[in-house]
Amino acid sequence: MAEFAKTTFSHSAYAKFRPSYPPSLYDTIFLYHHGPRNQCVDLGCGHGVVARYLSTSFAHVLGADPSPGMIALAKSSTPHEDYPNVNFQESFAESLPFLANGSVDIVVSGQAAHWFNYSTFFLEMSRVLRENGTLAFWGYKDHVFVDYPEATKIFRHYAYANDDHLLGPYWSQPERSIVENNFRDIHPPTNGWKDIQRIEYEPGNQGSRSGKGTMFMSKKIKLGACMDYLRTWSSFYAWQEQHPERKKRREGGTGDVVDEMFDEMRSKIPEWRKHEPWEEKEVEIEWGSGLILARKK
């Protein structure tokens, strides 16, 4: 999570280009949750997109994030007159001293649970959650160009090849592997948690909804916007620090690794190459995802 805390990280770009979560995901969590809906805590809240959505379903929502920049953006994006029951606190997930024992009904985390220190995290969750309180974590990994398997192949090469000129060496590990594995490496201890459920989706390459499992996240996106999304990755920011001379073409540079990636995609996919302007070409993407649900004993 270190990249997100740096002053060079564009929190506004993260908020603009990262995907949001569909009502079907939240409905799945609501169906699982039992009992009161008084206090909700959103860990790794980022710019507050989850906290704002949940504000209509819980009396009080608290978003916590260790990044001062993210907390500042969350507060500025969540005006008190529109969200009087939402507050934000700069804090790590493993230590929430401002919460009383058993005071929380549900703890959620969207695309952040891979950063937690699980040697202490579950102890703190056991402290703050009430009996039968809900833990709900979800995350998404790389998207798939469901109608263009060749593009997905090139995309994954640039994302994970062990080449200093590409993005592979710049992921924080084991955190990225946890995301890639749909959070299967996160195990709520069975001596403190019950009714544990896992809901996953693995996209296919034979068109929309050709994957396996329960799909929550998909989008029609223009290629230019897709490039902007990739530039919000933590690995891209780490790559950028090592290649400061490589500026994206849109800003007058010779091209960065994302430009190079899409150059190769267009060279292999005539349909993309022929579209004018090619950045406006719209494609369907789906994200692989994992949702963990658990109830405190």
Protein backbone atom coordinates (compact mmCIF):
# COMPACT_ATOMS: atom_id res chain seq x y z
CA MET A 1 0.00 0.00 0.00
CA ALA A 2 3.06 2.24 0.11
CA GLU A 3 2.52 3.53 -3.44
CA PHE A 4 -0.92 4.91 -2.54
CA ALA A 5 0.53 6.90 0.36
CA LYS A 6 3.16 8.68 -1.74
CA THR A 7 2.64 12.33 -2.64
CA THR A 8 3.36 11.47 -6.30
CA PHE A 9 0.39 9.09 -6.46
CA SER A 10 -2.65 10.55 -8.25
CA HIS A 11 -5.52 9.87 -5.87
CA SER A 12 -7.90 11.76 -8.16
CA ALA A 13 -6.99 9.53 -11.13
CA TYR A 14 -7.53 6.47 -8.94
CA ALA A 15 -11.00 7.71 -8.06
CA LYS A 16 -11.83 8.58 -11.66
CA PHE A 17 -10.63 5.47 -13.47
CA ARG A 18 -10.99 2.59 -10.99
CA PRO A 19 -14.17 0.50 -11.42
CA SER A 20 -17.09 0.83 -9.02
CA TYR A 21 -19.10 -2.05 -7.58
CA PRO A 22 -22.55 -3.12 -8.78
CA PRO A 23 -25.71 -3.32 -6.63
CA SER A 24 -25.67 -7.12 -7.05
CA LEU A 25 -22.47 -7.34 -4.98
CA TYR A 26 -23.88 -5.23 -2.17
CA ASP A 27 -27.18 -7.15 -2.31
CA THR A 28 -25.24 -10.39 -1.80
CA ILE A 29 -23.65 -8.92 1.33
CA PHE A 30 -26.98 -7.59 2.64
CA LEU A 31 -28.60 -10.98 2.17
CA TYR A 32 -25.81 -12.60 4.19
CA HIS A 33 -25.85 -10.03 7.01
CA HIS A 34 -28.00 -10.76 10.07
CA GLY A 35 -29.19 -8.38 12.74
CA PRO A 36 -28.80 -4.64 13.34
CA ARG A 37 -27.49 -2.19 10.78
CA ASN A 38 -26.17 0.46 13.12
CA GLN A 39 -22.39 0.68 12.68
CA CYS A 40 -20.54 -0.19 9.46
CA VAL A 41 -16.77 0.11 9.07
CA ASP A 42 -15.10 0.25 5.63
CA LEU A 43 -11.41 -0.68 5.81
CA GLY A 44 -9.00 0.52 3.14
CA CYS A 45 -11.80 2.87 2.16
CA GLY A 46 -9.79 4.76 -0.46
CA HIS A 47 -11.78 7.67 -1.84
CA GLY A 48 -14.97 6.53 -0.07
CA VAL A 49 -16.98 4.94 -2.87
CA VAL A 50 -18.09 1.99 -0.71
CA ALA A 51 -18.78 4.11 2.37
CA ARG A 52 -21.01 6.45 0.38
CA TYR A 53 -22.99 3.58 -1.12
CA LEU A 54 -23.52 1.93 2.28
CA SER A 55 -24.63 5.17 3.93
CA THR A 56 -28.24 4.51 2.91
CA SER A 57 -28.23 1.04 4.50
CA PHE A 58 -26.50 1.68 7.85
CA ALA A 59 -27.09 4.31 10.53
CA HIS A 60 -23.38 5.12 10.81
CA VAL A 61 -20.53 4.44 8.38
CA LEU A 62 -16.85 4.93 9.17
CA GLY A 63 -14.21 4.70 6.47
CA ALA A 64 -10.61 4.02 7.51
CA ASP A 65 -7.48 4.18 5.36
CA PRO A 66 -3.76 4.63 6.18
CA SER A 67 -3.20 7.01 3.25
CA PRO A 68 -3.61 10.71 4.14
CA GLY A 69 -4.20 11.51 0.48
CA MET A 70 -7.01 8.98 0.18
CA ILE A 71 -8.67 10.22 3.38
CA ALA A 72 -8.46 13.81 2.16
CA LEU A 73 -10.07 12.82 -1.16
CA ALA A 74 -12.75 10.76 0.61
CA LYS A 75 -13.70 13.72 2.80
CA SER A 76 -13.81 16.17 -0.10
CA SER A 77 -15.90 13.73 -2.16
CA THR A 78 -18.38 13.11 0.67
CA PRO A 79 -20.01 16.42 1.64
CA HIS A 80 -21.52 16.31 5.11
CA GLU A 81 -24.81 17.80 3.95
CA ASP A 82 -25.28 14.84 1.58
CA TYR A 83 -23.75 12.15 3.80
CA PRO A 84 -24.29 13.25 7.44
CA ASN A 85 -23.78 9.71 8.76
CA VAL A 86 -20.40 9.08 7.08
CA ASN A 87 -17.03 9.85 8.67
CA PHE A 88 -13.44 9.05 7.76
CA GLN A 89 -10.43 8.24 9.90
CA GLU A 90 -6.77 7.83 8.96
CA SER A 91 -5.93 4.41 10.34
CA PHE A 92 -4.51 0.98 9.60
CA ALA A 93 -6.97 -1.92 9.55
CA GLU A 94 -5.09 -3.84 12.24
CA SER A 95 -5.50 -1.18 14.93
CA LEU A 96 -8.82 0.61 15.48
CA PRO A 97 -8.54 1.98 19.05
CA PHE A 98 -11.30 4.53 18.42
CA LEU A 99 -13.85 1.67 18.16
CA ALA A 100 -15.32 0.12 21.32
CA ASN A 101 -15.42 -3.64 21.89
CA GLY A 102 -18.35 -5.28 20.10
CA SER A 103 -19.58 -1.96 18.70
CA VAL A 104 -19.56 -2.81 14.98
CA ASP A 105 -22.24 -4.69 13.04
CA ILE A 106 -20.33 -5.17 9.79
CA VAL A 107 -16.79 -4.66 8.51
CA VAL A 108 -16.34 -4.40 4.75
CA SER A 109 -13.32 -3.95 2.52
CA GLY A 110 -13.25 -3.48 -1.25
CA GLN A 111 -9.94 -4.13 -3.03
CA ALA A 112 -7.83 -3.66 0.11
CA ALA A 113 -7.83 -6.91 2.12
CA HIS A 114 -4.66 -8.17 0.40
CA TRP A 115 -2.72 -5.43 2.22
CA PHE A 116 -3.74 -6.47 5.75
CA ASN A 117 -1.42 -8.10 8.29
CA TYR A 118 -3.41 -11.18 9.22
CA SER A 119 -1.27 -12.09 12.21
CA THR A 120 -3.02 -9.27 14.08
CA PHE A 121 -5.97 -8.35 11.88
CA PHE A 122 -8.42 -11.06 12.91
CA LEU A 123 -7.77 -10.38 16.60
CA GLU A 124 -8.81 -6.77 16.08
CA MET A 125 -11.87 -7.83 14.08
CA SER A 126 -12.89 -10.20 16.88
CA ARG A 127 -12.64 -7.29 19.30
CA VAL A 128 -14.66 -4.68 17.42
CA LEU A 129 -17.39 -6.85 15.87
CA ARG A 130 -20.44 -7.89 17.82
CA GLU A 131 -21.50 -11.55 18.05
CA ASN A 132 -22.82 -12.65 14.64
CA GLY A 133 -21.38 -9.50 13.08
CA THR A 134 -20.39 -9.72 9.41
CA LEU A 135 -17.01 -9.59 7.73
CA ALA A 136 -17.20 -8.97 3.96
CA PHE A 137 -14.06 -8.65 1.81
CA TRP A 138 -13.94 -8.50 -1.94
CA GLY A 139 -11.39 -7.80 -4.60
CA TYR A 140 -10.88 -7.92 -8.33
CA LYS A 141 -7.88 -8.97 -10.35
CA ASP A 142 -6.92 -8.30 -13.95
CA HIS A 143 -9.66 -7.77 -16.43
CA VAL A 144 -10.07 -9.89 -19.54
CA PHE A 145 -10.90 -8.60 -23.02
CA VAL A 146 -13.64 -11.20 -23.41
CA ASP A 147 -13.92 -10.84 -27.20
CA TYR A 148 -10.18 -10.50 -27.87
CA PRO A 149 -8.11 -13.31 -26.33
CA GLU A 150 -4.97 -12.10 -28.14
CA ALA A 151 -5.28 -8.73 -26.37
CA THR A 152 -5.61 -10.49 -23.01
CA LYS A 153 -2.49 -12.54 -23.74
CA ILE A 154 -0.44 -9.42 -24.53
CA PHE A 155 -1.92 -7.61 -21.54
CA ARG A 156 -0.88 -10.35 -19.12
CA HIS A 157 2.62 -10.48 -20.61
CA TYR A 158 3.17 -6.79 -19.99
CA ALA A 159 1.57 -7.02 -16.54
CA TYR A 160 3.54 -9.99 -15.19
CA ALA A 161 6.61 -10.85 -17.28
CA ASN A 162 9.77 -10.73 -15.18
CA ASP A 163 11.33 -7.95 -17.23
CA ASP A 164 12.44 -4.64 -15.70
CA HIS A 165 11.09 -2.80 -18.74
CA LEU A 166 7.59 -4.20 -18.12
CA LEU A 167 5.35 -4.19 -15.01
CA GLY A 168 5.96 -7.66 -13.57
CA PRO A 169 8.85 -6.86 -11.19
CA TYR A 170 7.07 -3.82 -9.76
CA TRP A 171 4.14 -5.52 -8.06
CA SER A 172 4.24 -5.72 -4.28
CA GLN A 173 4.33 -9.39 -3.28
CA PRO A 174 2.74 -11.46 -1.85
CA GLU A 175 -0.08 -8.94 -1.98
CA ARG A 176 -0.60 -9.10 -5.74
CA SER A 177 -0.60 -12.88 -5.71
CA ILE A 178 -3.36 -12.79 -3.09
CA VAL A 179 -5.47 -10.69 -5.48
CA GLU A 180 -4.65 -12.93 -8.45
CA ASN A 181 -5.76 -15.93 -6.40
CA ASN A 182 -9.18 -14.37 -5.68
CA PHE A 183 -8.39 -14.02 -1.96
CA ARG A 184 -8.19 -17.80 -1.47
CA ASP A 185 -5.09 -17.20 0.66
CA ILE A 186 -7.14 -15.31 3.25
CA HIS A 187 -8.54 -17.69 5.87
CA PRO A 188 -10.78 -16.45 8.69
CA PRO A 189 -9.82 -18.67 11.69
CA THR A 190 -12.55 -21.24 12.22
CA ASN A 191 -12.24 -20.97 15.98
CA GLY A 192 -13.56 -17.41 15.83
CA TRP A 193 -15.60 -17.31 12.63
CA LYS A 194 -18.48 -19.32 11.16
CA ASP A 195 -20.66 -19.57 8.05
CA ILE A 196 -17.66 -18.76 5.86
CA GLN A 197 -18.55 -18.38 2.19
CA ARG A 198 -16.48 -17.69 -0.92
CA ILE A 199 -17.96 -16.39 -4.15
CA GLU A 200 -15.63 -16.21 -7.16
CA TYR A 201 -15.61 -15.46 -10.84
CA GLU A 202 -13.06 -16.41 -13.51
CA PRO A 203 -13.72 -14.65 -16.83
CA GLY A 204 -13.70 -16.58 -20.08
CA ASN A 205 -12.47 -15.58 -23.53
CA GLN A 206 -15.50 -16.64 -25.56
CA GLY A 207 -17.50 -13.47 -25.12
CA SER A 208 -19.58 -11.89 -22.38
CA ARG A 209 -20.40 -14.11 -19.38
CA SER A 210 -18.42 -17.03 -20.77
CA GLY A 211 -16.54 -17.43 -17.48
CA LYS A 212 -17.19 -19.59 -14.41
CA GLY A 213 -18.79 -18.53 -11.15
CA THR A 214 -20.77 -15.44 -10.14
CA MET A 215 -19.82 -12.36 -12.11
CA PHE A 216 -20.05 -9.01 -10.36
CA MET A 217 -17.80 -6.74 -12.38
CA SER A 218 -17.92 -6.00 -16.10
CA LYS A 219 -17.84 -2.88 -18.22
CA LYS A 220 -17.90 -1.52 -21.74
CA ILE A 221 -14.87 0.73 -21.88
CA LYS A 222 -13.04 2.79 -24.47
CA LEU A 223 -9.43 1.78 -25.09
CA GLY A 224 -8.17 5.20 -24.02
CA ALA A 225 -10.00 4.95 -20.69
CA CYS A 226 -8.67 1.43 -20.24
CA MET A 227 -5.13 2.82 -20.56
CA ASP A 228 -5.91 5.44 -17.92
CA TYR A 229 -7.16 2.70 -15.60
CA LEU A 230 -3.91 0.72 -15.96
CA ARG A 231 -1.99 3.84 -15.00
CA THR A 232 -3.68 3.72 -11.56
CA TRP A 233 -1.99 0.39 -10.77
CA SER A 234 0.55 0.44 -7.96
CA SER A 235 2.95 -1.45 -10.24
CA PHE A 236 2.73 1.33 -12.83
CA TYR A 237 3.68 3.97 -10.26
CA ALA A 238 6.64 1.86 -9.15
CA TRP A 239 7.64 1.35 -12.82
CA GLN A 240 7.32 5.09 -13.43
CA GLU A 241 9.75 5.88 -10.61
CA GLN A 242 12.36 3.69 -12.30
CA HIS A 243 11.66 5.09 -15.79
CA PRO A 244 11.07 8.83 -15.30
CA GLU A 245 12.14 9.54 -18.88
CA ARG A 246 9.24 7.47 -20.28
CA LYS A 247 6.29 9.87 -20.51
CA LYS A 248 2.94 8.96 -22.02
CA ARG A 249 2.32 10.20 -25.54
CA ARG A 250 -0.84 12.04 -24.60
CA GLU A 251 1.36 14.41 -22.59
CA GLY A 252 3.91 14.87 -25.36
CA GLY A 253 6.27 12.04 -24.37
CA THR A 254 7.65 9.25 -26.48
CA GLY A 255 5.41 6.70 -24.76
CA ASP A 256 5.31 4.75 -21.51
CA VAL A 257 4.85 1.02 -20.90
CA VAL A 258 1.07 1.31 -21.27
CA ASP A 259 1.44 3.00 -24.66
CA GLU A 260 3.81 0.21 -25.68
CA MET A 261 1.36 -2.45 -24.50
CA PHE A 262 -1.50 -1.05 -26.57
CA ASP A 263 0.78 -0.57 -29.58
CA GLU A 264 1.37 -4.32 -29.57
CA MET A 265 -2.32 -5.08 -29.08
CA ARG A 266 -3.27 -2.90 -32.06
CA SER A 267 -0.57 -4.51 -34.19
CA LYS A 268 -2.25 -7.89 -33.64
CA ILE A 269 -5.90 -6.78 -33.81
CA PRO A 270 -6.78 -5.09 -37.13
CA GLU A 271 -10.22 -4.07 -35.87
CA TRP A 272 -8.61 -1.89 -33.21
CA ARG A 273 -6.00 -0.52 -35.58
CA LYS A 274 -8.55 0.55 -38.18
CA HIS A 275 -10.87 2.32 -35.75
CA GLU A 276 -10.49 6.13 -35.93
CA PRO A 277 -9.62 7.41 -33.45
CA TRP A 278 -8.53 4.08 -32.04
CA GLU A 279 -8.67 5.33 -28.42
CA GLU A 280 -12.46 5.64 -28.84
CA LYS A 281 -12.90 1.97 -29.74
CA GLU A 282 -15.24 0.42 -27.15
CA VAL A 283 -14.64 -3.11 -25.84
CA GLU A 284 -16.21 -5.40 -23.25
CA ILE A 285 -14.11 -6.35 -20.24
CA GLU A 286 -14.77 -8.54 -17.22
CA TRP A 287 -12.83 -8.74 -13.99
CA GLY A 288 -12.06 -11.89 -12.09
CA SER A 289 -13.19 -11.44 -8.51
CA GLY A 290 -13.40 -12.98 -5.08
CA LEU A 291 -15.79 -12.25 -2.21
CA ILE A 292 -15.28 -13.64 1.31
CA LEU A 293 -18.11 -13.60 3.84
CA ALA A 294 -17.75 -14.65 7.47
CA ARG A 295 -19.73 -14.29 10.69
CA LYS A 296 -18.20 -13.78 14.12
CA LYS A 297 -18.95 -16.60 16.54
